[in-house]
PDB file of N, CA and C in Angstrom:
ATOM      1  N   UNK A   1       0.825  -1.192   0.000  1.00  0.00           N
ATOM      2  CA  UNK A   1       0.000   0.000   0.000  1.00  0.00           C
ATOM      3  C   UNK A   1       0.876   1.265   0.000  1.00  0.00           C
ATOM      4  N   UNK A   2       1.944   1.271   0.817  1.00  0.00           N
ATOM      5  CA  UNK A   2       2.811   2.441   0.862  1.00  0.00           C
ATOM      6  C   UNK A   2       3.600   2.609  -0.433  1.00  0.00           C
ATOM      7  N   UNK A   3       3.986   1.509  -1.045  1.00  0.00           N
ATOM      8  CA  UNK A   3       4.723   1.595  -2.304  1.00  0.00           C
ATOM      9  C   UNK A   3       3.859   2.239  -3.383  1.00  0.00           C
ATOM     10  N   UNK A   4       2.604   1.857  -3.439  1.00  0.00           N
ATOM     11  CA  UNK A   4       1.676   2.437  -4.407  1.00  0.00           C
ATOM     12  C   UNK A   4       1.487   3.929  -4.135  1.00  0.00           C
ATOM     13  N   UNK A   5       1.398   4.290  -2.853  1.00  0.00           N
ATOM     14  CA  UNK A   5       1.243   5.687  -2.479  1.00  0.00           C
ATOM     15  C   UNK A   5       2.458   6.508  -2.917  1.00  0.00           C
ATOM     16  N   UNK A   6       3.657   5.996  -2.669  1.00  0.00           N
ATOM     17  CA  UNK A   6       4.878   6.701  -3.062  1.00  0.00           C
ATOM     18  C   UNK A   6       4.904   6.895  -4.574  1.00  0.00           C
ATOM     19  N   UNK A   7       4.591   5.859  -5.314  1.00  0.00           N
ATOM     20  CA  UNK A   7       4.600   5.961  -6.784  1.00  0.00           C
ATOM     21  C   UNK A   7       3.569   6.977  -7.260  1.00  0.00           C
ATOM     22  N   UNK A   8       2.391   6.951  -6.680  1.00  0.00           N
ATOM     23  CA  UNK A   8       1.336   7.888  -7.073  1.00  0.00           C
ATOM     24  C   UNK A   8       1.731   9.324  -6.769  1.00  0.00           C
ATOM     25  N   UNK A   9       2.247   9.566  -5.573  1.00  0.00           N
ATOM     26  CA  UNK A   9       2.653  10.913  -5.205  1.00  0.00           C
ATOM     27  C   UNK A   9       3.797  11.407  -6.095  1.00  0.00           C
ATOM     28  N   UNK A  10       4.760  10.552  -6.360  1.00  0.00           N
ATOM     29  CA  UNK A  10       5.880  10.932  -7.226  1.00  0.00           C
ATOM     30  C   UNK A  10       5.390  11.228  -8.643  1.00  0.00           C
ATOM     31  N   UNK A  11       4.417  10.469  -9.122  1.00  0.00           N
ATOM     32  CA  UNK A  11       3.911  10.685 -10.479  1.00  0.00           C
ATOM     33  C   UNK A  11       3.075  11.958 -10.584  1.00  0.00           C
ATOM     34  N   UNK A  12       2.667  12.509  -9.449  1.00  0.00           N
ATOM     35  CA  UNK A  12       1.928  13.770  -9.442  1.00  0.00           C
ATOM     36  C   UNK A  12       2.850  14.964  -9.214  1.00  0.00           C
ATOM     37  N   UNK A  13       4.156  14.712  -9.095  1.00  0.00           N
ATOM     38  CA  UNK A  13       5.111  15.792  -8.932  1.00  0.00           C
ATOM     39  C   UNK A  13       5.263  16.276  -7.503  1.00  0.00           C
ATOM     40  N   UNK A  14       4.808  15.496  -6.539  1.00  0.00           N
ATOM     41  CA  UNK A  14       4.940  15.878  -5.133  1.00  0.00           C
ATOM     42  C   UNK A  14       6.414  15.749  -4.741  1.00  0.00           C
ATOM     43  N   UNK A  15       7.000  16.779  -4.125  1.00  0.00           N
ATOM     44  CA  UNK A  15       8.412  16.716  -3.737  1.00  0.00           C
ATOM     45  C   UNK A  15       8.680  15.594  -2.723  1.00  0.00           C
ATOM     46  N   UNK A  16       9.896  15.073  -2.763  1.00  0.00           N
ATOM     47  CA  UNK A  16      10.254  13.980  -1.860  1.00  0.00           C
ATOM     48  C   UNK A  16      10.111  14.381  -0.397  1.00  0.00           C
ATOM     49  N   UNK A  17      10.367  15.633  -0.073  1.00  0.00           N
ATOM     50  CA  UNK A  17      10.219  16.085   1.314  1.00  0.00           C
ATOM     51  C   UNK A  17       8.777  15.920   1.792  1.00  0.00           C
ATOM     52  N   UNK A  18       7.831  16.187   0.905  1.00  0.00           N
ATOM     53  CA  UNK A  18       6.417  16.022   1.264  1.00  0.00           C
ATOM     54  C   UNK A  18       6.054  14.541   1.407  1.00  0.00           C
ATOM     55  N   UNK A  19       6.590  13.718   0.532  1.00  0.00           N
ATOM     56  CA  UNK A  19       6.339  12.278   0.618  1.00  0.00           C
ATOM     57  C   UNK A  19       6.893  11.739   1.933  1.00  0.00           C
ATOM     58  N   UNK A  20       8.051  12.244   2.327  1.00  0.00           N
ATOM     59  CA  UNK A  20       8.638  11.839   3.619  1.00  0.00           C
ATOM     60  C   UNK A  20       7.703  12.189   4.765  1.00  0.00           C
ATOM     61  N   UNK A  21       7.105  13.364   4.714  1.00  0.00           N
ATOM     62  CA  UNK A  21       6.177  13.763   5.780  1.00  0.00           C
ATOM     63  C   UNK A  21       4.949  12.863   5.816  1.00  0.00           C
ATOM     64  N   UNK A  22       4.451  12.508   4.647  1.00  0.00           N
ATOM     65  CA  UNK A  22       3.265  11.641   4.584  1.00  0.00           C
ATOM     66  C   UNK A  22       3.565  10.271   5.183  1.00  0.00           C
ATOM     67  N   UNK A  23       4.734   9.716   4.854  1.00  0.00           N
ATOM     68  CA  UNK A  23       5.099   8.383   5.334  1.00  0.00           C
ATOM     69  C   UNK A  23       5.769   8.404   6.702  1.00  0.00           C
ATOM     70  N   UNK A  24       6.152   9.589   7.171  1.00  0.00           N
ATOM     71  CA  UNK A  24       6.876   9.755   8.430  1.00  0.00           C
ATOM     72  C   UNK A  24       8.196   8.986   8.413  1.00  0.00           C
ATOM     73  N   UNK A  25       8.974   9.211   7.352  1.00  0.00           N
ATOM     74  CA  UNK A  25      10.300   8.606   7.218  1.00  0.00           C
ATOM     75  C   UNK A  25      11.291   9.698   6.819  1.00  0.00           C
ATOM     76  N   UNK A  26      12.559   9.411   6.974  1.00  0.00           N
ATOM     77  CA  UNK A  26      13.589  10.366   6.561  1.00  0.00           C
ATOM     78  C   UNK A  26      13.774  10.304   5.042  1.00  0.00           C
ATOM     79  N   UNK A  27      14.422  11.330   4.515  1.00  0.00           N
ATOM     80  CA  UNK A  27      14.688  11.368   3.068  1.00  0.00           C
ATOM     81  C   UNK A  27      15.591  10.206   2.665  1.00  0.00           C
ATOM     82  N   UNK A  28      16.561   9.904   3.502  1.00  0.00           N
ATOM     83  CA  UNK A  28      17.471   8.800   3.212  1.00  0.00           C
ATOM     84  C   UNK A  28      16.721   7.472   3.152  1.00  0.00           C
ATOM     85  N   UNK A  29      15.812   7.256   4.098  1.00  0.00           N
ATOM     86  CA  UNK A  29      15.011   6.026   4.107  1.00  0.00           C
ATOM     87  C   UNK A  29      14.096   5.960   2.899  1.00  0.00           C
ATOM     88  N   UNK A  30      13.492   7.089   2.549  1.00  0.00           N
ATOM     89  CA  UNK A  30      12.610   7.115   1.379  1.00  0.00           C
ATOM     90  C   UNK A  30      13.369   6.689   0.130  1.00  0.00           C
ATOM     91  N   UNK A  31      14.528   7.291  -0.090  1.00  0.00           N
ATOM     92  CA  UNK A  31      15.300   6.968  -1.292  1.00  0.00           C
ATOM     93  C   UNK A  31      15.836   5.543  -1.264  1.00  0.00           C
ATOM     94  N   UNK A  32      16.162   5.045  -0.100  1.00  0.00           N
ATOM     95  CA  UNK A  32      16.703   3.686   0.009  1.00  0.00           C
ATOM     96  C   UNK A  32      15.616   2.632  -0.175  1.00  0.00           C
ATOM     97  N   UNK A  33      14.502   2.808   0.481  1.00  0.00           N
ATOM     98  CA  UNK A  33      13.450   1.783   0.491  1.00  0.00           C
ATOM     99  C   UNK A  33      12.474   1.872  -0.672  1.00  0.00           C
ATOM    100  N   UNK A  34      12.337   3.059  -1.256  1.00  0.00           N
ATOM    101  CA  UNK A  34      11.324   3.269  -2.287  1.00  0.00           C
ATOM    102  C   UNK A  34      11.923   3.798  -3.595  1.00  0.00           C
ATOM    103  N   UNK A  35      13.175   3.516  -3.878  1.00  0.00           N
ATOM    104  CA  UNK A  35      13.855   4.018  -5.074  1.00  0.00           C
ATOM    105  C   UNK A  35      13.094   3.663  -6.344  1.00  0.00           C
ATOM    106  N   UNK A  36      12.676   2.410  -6.468  1.00  0.00           N
ATOM    107  CA  UNK A  36      11.971   1.964  -7.683  1.00  0.00           C
ATOM    108  C   UNK A  36      10.677   2.745  -7.881  1.00  0.00           C
ATOM    109  N   UNK A  37       9.919   2.925  -6.818  1.00  0.00           N
ATOM    110  CA  UNK A  37       8.641   3.632  -6.910  1.00  0.00           C
ATOM    111  C   UNK A  37       8.859   5.100  -7.257  1.00  0.00           C
ATOM    112  N   UNK A  38       9.904   5.713  -6.681  1.00  0.00           N
ATOM    113  CA  UNK A  38      10.217   7.102  -7.019  1.00  0.00           C
ATOM    114  C   UNK A  38      10.596   7.232  -8.485  1.00  0.00           C
ATOM    115  N   UNK A  39      11.399   6.297  -8.984  1.00  0.00           N
ATOM    116  CA  UNK A  39      11.818   6.335 -10.391  1.00  0.00           C
ATOM    117  C   UNK A  39      10.649   6.127 -11.342  1.00  0.00           C
ATOM    118  N   UNK A  40       9.785   5.169 -11.036  1.00  0.00           N
ATOM    119  CA  UNK A  40       8.620   4.905 -11.897  1.00  0.00           C
ATOM    120  C   UNK A  40       7.680   6.105 -11.882  1.00  0.00           C
ATOM    121  N   UNK A  41       7.442   6.670 -10.712  1.00  0.00           N
ATOM    122  CA  UNK A  41       6.584   7.850 -10.613  1.00  0.00           C
ATOM    123  C   UNK A  41       7.135   9.015 -11.406  1.00  0.00           C
ATOM    124  N   UNK A  42       8.439   9.243 -11.319  1.00  0.00           N
ATOM    125  CA  UNK A  42       9.073  10.334 -12.074  1.00  0.00           C
ATOM    126  C   UNK A  42       8.968  10.090 -13.574  1.00  0.00           C
ATOM    127  N   UNK A  43       9.139   8.848 -14.003  1.00  0.00           N
ATOM    128  CA  UNK A  43       9.035   8.515 -15.427  1.00  0.00           C
ATOM    129  C   UNK A  43       7.609   8.741 -15.933  1.00  0.00           C
ATOM    130  N   UNK A  44       6.618   8.391 -15.131  1.00  0.00           N
ATOM    131  CA  UNK A  44       5.225   8.617 -15.525  1.00  0.00           C
ATOM    132  C   UNK A  44       4.927  10.103 -15.656  1.00  0.00           C
ATOM    133  N   UNK A  45       5.417  10.893 -14.700  1.00  0.00           N
ATOM    134  CA  UNK A  45       5.204  12.334 -14.761  1.00  0.00           C
ATOM    135  C   UNK A  45       5.880  12.921 -15.992  1.00  0.00           C
ATOM    136  N   UNK A  46       7.097  12.501 -16.280  1.00  0.00           N
ATOM    137  CA  UNK A  46       7.813  12.992 -17.452  1.00  0.00           C
ATOM    138  C   UNK A  46       7.065  12.648 -18.737  1.00  0.00           C
ATOM    139  N   UNK A  47       6.515  11.446 -18.809  1.00  0.00           N
ATOM    140  CA  UNK A  47       5.767  11.033 -20.000  1.00  0.00           C
ATOM    141  C   UNK A  47       4.538  11.908 -20.207  1.00  0.00           C
ATOM    142  N   UNK A  48       3.834  12.214 -19.138  1.00  0.00           N
ATOM    143  CA  UNK A  48       2.647  13.059 -19.250  1.00  0.00           C
ATOM    144  C   UNK A  48       3.034  14.463 -19.698  1.00  0.00           C
ATOM    145  N   UNK A  49       4.087  15.007 -19.095  1.00  0.00           N
ATOM    146  CA  UNK A  49       4.518  16.363 -19.451  1.00  0.00           C
ATOM    147  C   UNK A  49       5.008  16.437 -20.893  1.00  0.00           C
ATOM    148  N   UNK A  50       5.739  15.442 -21.330  1.00  0.00           N
ATOM    149  CA  UNK A  50       6.202  15.424 -22.722  1.00  0.00           C
ATOM    150  C   UNK A  50       5.020  15.310 -23.672  1.00  0.00           C
ATOM    151  N   UNK A  51       4.023  14.536 -23.289  1.00  0.00           N
ATOM    152  CA  UNK A  51       2.813  14.444 -24.104  1.00  0.00           C
ATOM    153  C   UNK A  51       2.143  15.792 -24.278  1.00  0.00           C
ATOM    154  N   UNK A  52       2.039  16.556 -23.186  1.00  0.00           N
ATOM    155  CA  UNK A  52       1.447  17.898 -23.275  1.00  0.00           C
ATOM    156  C   UNK A  52       2.313  18.825 -24.128  1.00  0.00           C
ATOM    157  N   UNK A  53       3.623  18.736 -23.949  1.00  0.00           N
ATOM    158  CA  UNK A  53       4.530  19.576 -24.723  1.00  0.00           C
ATOM    159  C   UNK A  53       4.451  19.245 -26.209  1.00  0.00           C
ATOM    160  N   UNK A  54       4.379  17.976 -26.548  1.00  0.00           N
ATOM    161  CA  UNK A  54       4.250  17.575 -27.956  1.00  0.00           C
ATOM    162  C   UNK A  54       2.931  18.050 -28.546  1.00  0.00           C
ATOM    163  N   UNK A  55       1.880  18.024 -27.748  1.00  0.00           N
ATOM    164  CA  UNK A  55       0.591  18.531 -28.212  1.00  0.00           C
ATOM    165  C   UNK A  55       0.695  20.026 -28.513  1.00  0.00           C
ATOM    166  N   UNK A  56       1.374  20.771 -27.629  1.00  0.00           N
ATOM    167  CA  UNK A  56       1.582  22.197 -27.879  1.00  0.00           C
ATOM    168  C   UNK A  56       2.422  22.429 -29.128  1.00  0.00           C
ATOM    169  N   UNK A  57       3.456  21.607 -29.298  1.00  0.00           N
ATOM    170  CA  UNK A  57       4.365  21.770 -30.433  1.00  0.00           C
ATOM    171  C   UNK A  57       3.688  21.468 -31.758  1.00  0.00           C
ATOM    172  N   UNK A  58       2.586  20.747 -31.746  1.00  0.00           N
ATOM    173  CA  UNK A  58       1.908  20.405 -32.994  1.00  0.00           C
ATOM    174  C   UNK A  58       1.008  21.526 -33.503  1.00  0.00           C
ATOM    175  N   UNK A  59       0.939  22.621 -32.759  1.00  0.00           N
ATOM    176  CA  UNK A  59       0.121  23.756 -33.184  1.00  0.00           C
ATOM    177  C   UNK A  59       0.805  24.555 -34.271  1.00  0.00           C
ATOM    178  N   UNK A  60       0.231  25.715 -34.575  1.00  0.00           N
ATOM    179  CA  UNK A  60       0.796  26.536 -35.650  1.00  0.00           C
ATOM    180  C   UNK A  60       0.979  27.990 -35.217  1.00  0.00           C
ATOM    181  N   UNK A  61       1.087  28.245 -33.931  1.00  0.00           N
ATOM    182  CA  UNK A  61       1.256  29.608 -33.449  1.00  0.00           C
ATOM    183  C   UNK A  61       2.622  29.778 -32.782  1.00  0.00           C
ATOM    184  N   UNK A  62       2.834  30.912 -32.140  1.00  0.00           N
ATOM    185  CA  UNK A  62       4.132  31.179 -31.515  1.00  0.00           C
ATOM    186  C   UNK A  62       4.397  30.244 -30.333  1.00  0.00           C
ATOM    187  N   UNK A  63       3.345  29.766 -29.685  1.00  0.00           N
ATOM    188  CA  UNK A  63       3.521  28.810 -28.589  1.00  0.00           C
ATOM    189  C   UNK A  63       4.112  27.504 -29.127  1.00  0.00           C
ATOM    190  N   UNK A  64       3.647  27.077 -30.281  1.00  0.00           N
ATOM    191  CA  UNK A  64       4.171  25.852 -30.896  1.00  0.00           C
ATOM    192  C   UNK A  64       5.646  26.011 -31.228  1.00  0.00           C
ATOM    193  N   UNK A  65       6.013  27.153 -31.770  1.00  0.00           N
ATOM    194  CA  UNK A  65       7.417  27.383 -32.116  1.00  0.00           C
ATOM    195  C   UNK A  65       8.290  27.351 -30.857  1.00  0.00           C
ATOM    196  N   UNK A  66       7.854  27.982 -29.799  1.00  0.00           N
ATOM    197  CA  UNK A  66       8.617  27.979 -28.555  1.00  0.00           C
ATOM    198  C   UNK A  66       8.711  26.569 -27.978  1.00  0.00           C
ATOM    199  N   UNK A  67       7.645  25.793 -28.083  1.00  0.00           N
ATOM    200  CA  UNK A  67       7.662  24.413 -27.588  1.00  0.00           C
ATOM    201  C   UNK A  67       8.642  23.559 -28.391  1.00  0.00           C
ATOM    202  N   UNK A  68       8.663  23.749 -29.705  1.00  0.00           N
ATOM    203  CA  UNK A  68       9.590  22.998 -30.562  1.00  0.00           C
ATOM    204  C   UNK A  68      11.041  23.347 -30.221  1.00  0.00           C
ATOM    205  N   UNK A  69      11.326  24.627 -30.071  1.00  0.00           N
ATOM    206  CA  UNK A  69      12.686  25.047 -29.719  1.00  0.00           C
ATOM    207  C   UNK A  69      13.084  24.486 -28.358  1.00  0.00           C
ATOM    208  N   UNK A  70      12.175  24.515 -27.406  1.00  0.00           N
ATOM    209  CA  UNK A  70      12.446  23.957 -26.083  1.00  0.00           C
ATOM    210  C   UNK A  70      12.763  22.464 -26.173  1.00  0.00           C
ATOM    211  N   UNK A  71      11.970  21.728 -26.938  1.00  0.00           N
ATOM    212  CA  UNK A  71      12.220  20.293 -27.111  1.00  0.00           C
ATOM    213  C   UNK A  71      13.576  20.043 -27.759  1.00  0.00           C
ATOM    214  N   UNK A  72      13.902  20.804 -28.784  1.00  0.00           N
ATOM    215  CA  UNK A  72      15.184  20.634 -29.460  1.00  0.00           C
ATOM    216  C   UNK A  72      16.353  20.890 -28.517  1.00  0.00           C
ATOM    217  N   UNK A  73      16.232  21.895 -27.699  1.00  0.00           N
ATOM    218  CA  UNK A  73      17.313  22.216 -26.761  1.00  0.00           C
ATOM    219  C   UNK A  73      17.449  21.169 -25.663  1.00  0.00           C
ATOM    220  N   UNK A  74      16.335  20.796 -25.074  1.00  0.00           N
ATOM    221  CA  UNK A  74      16.380  19.885 -23.919  1.00  0.00           C
ATOM    222  C   UNK A  74      16.665  18.440 -24.299  1.00  0.00           C
ATOM    223  N   UNK A  75      16.026  17.957 -25.319  1.00  0.00           N
ATOM    224  CA  UNK A  75      16.123  16.539 -25.641  1.00  0.00           C
ATOM    225  C   UNK A  75      17.242  16.213 -26.621  1.00  0.00           C
ATOM    226  N   UNK A  76      17.639  17.203 -27.425  1.00  0.00           N
ATOM    227  CA  UNK A  76      18.604  16.915 -28.477  1.00  0.00           C
ATOM    228  C   UNK A  76      19.847  17.792 -28.422  1.00  0.00           C
ATOM    229  N   UNK A  77      19.972  18.635 -27.385  1.00  0.00           N
ATOM    230  CA  UNK A  77      21.159  19.456 -27.226  1.00  0.00           C
ATOM    231  C   UNK A  77      21.342  20.523 -28.292  1.00  0.00           C
ATOM    232  N   UNK A  78      20.278  20.903 -28.957  1.00  0.00           N
ATOM    233  CA  UNK A  78      20.349  21.884 -30.026  1.00  0.00           C
ATOM    234  C   UNK A  78      20.649  23.274 -29.473  1.00  0.00           C
ATOM    235  N   UNK A  79      21.408  24.056 -30.211  1.00  0.00           N
ATOM    236  CA  UNK A  79      21.668  25.440 -29.872  1.00  0.00           C
ATOM    237  C   UNK A  79      21.728  26.251 -31.147  1.00  0.00           C
ATOM    238  N   UNK A  80      21.091  27.397 -31.123  1.00  0.00           N
ATOM    239  CA  UNK A  80      21.125  28.259 -32.316  1.00  0.00           C
ATOM    240  C   UNK A  80      22.502  28.873 -32.511  1.00  0.00           C
ATOM    241  N   UNK A  81      23.371  28.783 -31.502  1.00  0.00           N
ATOM    242  CA  UNK A  81      24.693  29.380 -31.573  1.00  0.00           C
ATOM    243  C   UNK A  81      25.775  28.359 -31.925  1.00  0.00           C
ATOM    244  N   UNK A  82      25.429  27.086 -31.916  1.00  0.00           N
ATOM    245  CA  UNK A  82      26.408  26.047 -32.213  1.00  0.00           C
ATOM    246  C   UNK A  82      26.738  26.053 -33.702  1.00  0.00           C
ATOM    247  N   UNK A  83      27.985  25.813 -34.051  1.00  0.00           N
ATOM    248  CA  UNK A  83      28.325  25.752 -35.483  1.00  0.00           C
ATOM    249  C   UNK A  83      27.687  24.535 -36.159  1.00  0.00           C
ATOM    250  N   UNK A  84      27.373  24.668 -37.421  1.00  0.00           N
ATOM    251  CA  UNK A  84      26.776  23.552 -38.169  1.00  0.00           C
ATOM    252  C   UNK A  84      27.772  22.427 -38.281  1.00  0.00           C
ATOM    253  N   UNK A  85      27.285  21.213 -38.212  1.00  0.00           N
ATOM    254  CA  UNK A  85      28.157  20.030 -38.306  1.00  0.00           C
ATOM    255  C   UNK A  85      28.306  19.570 -39.717  1.00  0.00           C
TER     256      UNK A  85
END
């Protein structure tokens, strides 16, 4: 039950300090005992956020352009100042 709770809270973006308060454990114990659940929760949150970002990037306005540039920079290391390869 606690493992499911940790995964759910992590997937909602709740900070580890808050999860520690909910479970009444230290940060060290949380990371040691619930590492897998924290990682899975973080991966789920990232997937949801990337889905929203991709939806924004599929538009045709200035928000879409900014989303595309953000994706290129974060996921692919793109820079407008880097020399062409």
